[in-house]
Every structure is written in structure tokens, then in C-alpha cells.
Amino acid sequence: MEETPYPDPRNFEEALARLEEIAATLERNDVPLDHALTLVTEAAHLKRYCRAQLTEAEGMLEKLVELADGEIRLDPLERE
């Protein structure tokens, strides 16, 4: 990932929780402009992190298919 003053979170859930905190803070409407801009910048970094995590997970998704003879095989996830 690109160099930012914000470290990558440990996992997707941590990133999502921080995004929710940022949204709640910004929704209060009492945040000074400078701090709001800092929070929006951090949120953009977290959004990119989450998108990358979701893209990686999507590529790993597979579905199990049980064949007529009982054998199980993995097929790539079909997109609709």
C-alpha cells in the first residue's frame, strides 16, 4: 500500500470499526474543519484498505460442488 501517516489496521473488522467511529464523529457536526479533514483523509485510507481486503477475499471465494458420484470439487465463484 502507499505510504501514509496512517498505519494499516490489523484486519478488516478493525478498519470497519474505525470507519464507523469516524462517521459518527463527523455526523456530530461539531468537529473543527482541520480535524474533519484529517478524519476524512484517514477514512479514505481505510476505504482503500477495506476495498483491497474485499477484492482479495472475493478472489479466494470458491463454491463446493458435489458431483453425482459423491466426489467434491472446488469451482470458482460464478458472478451474476
Foldseek 3Di string as FASTA:
>chain_A
DDDDPDDADPDLVVLVVLLVVLVVVVVVVPDDPVVNVVSVVSNVVSVVVNVVVVVVVLQVDWDWDQDPVRDIDTDRDDDD
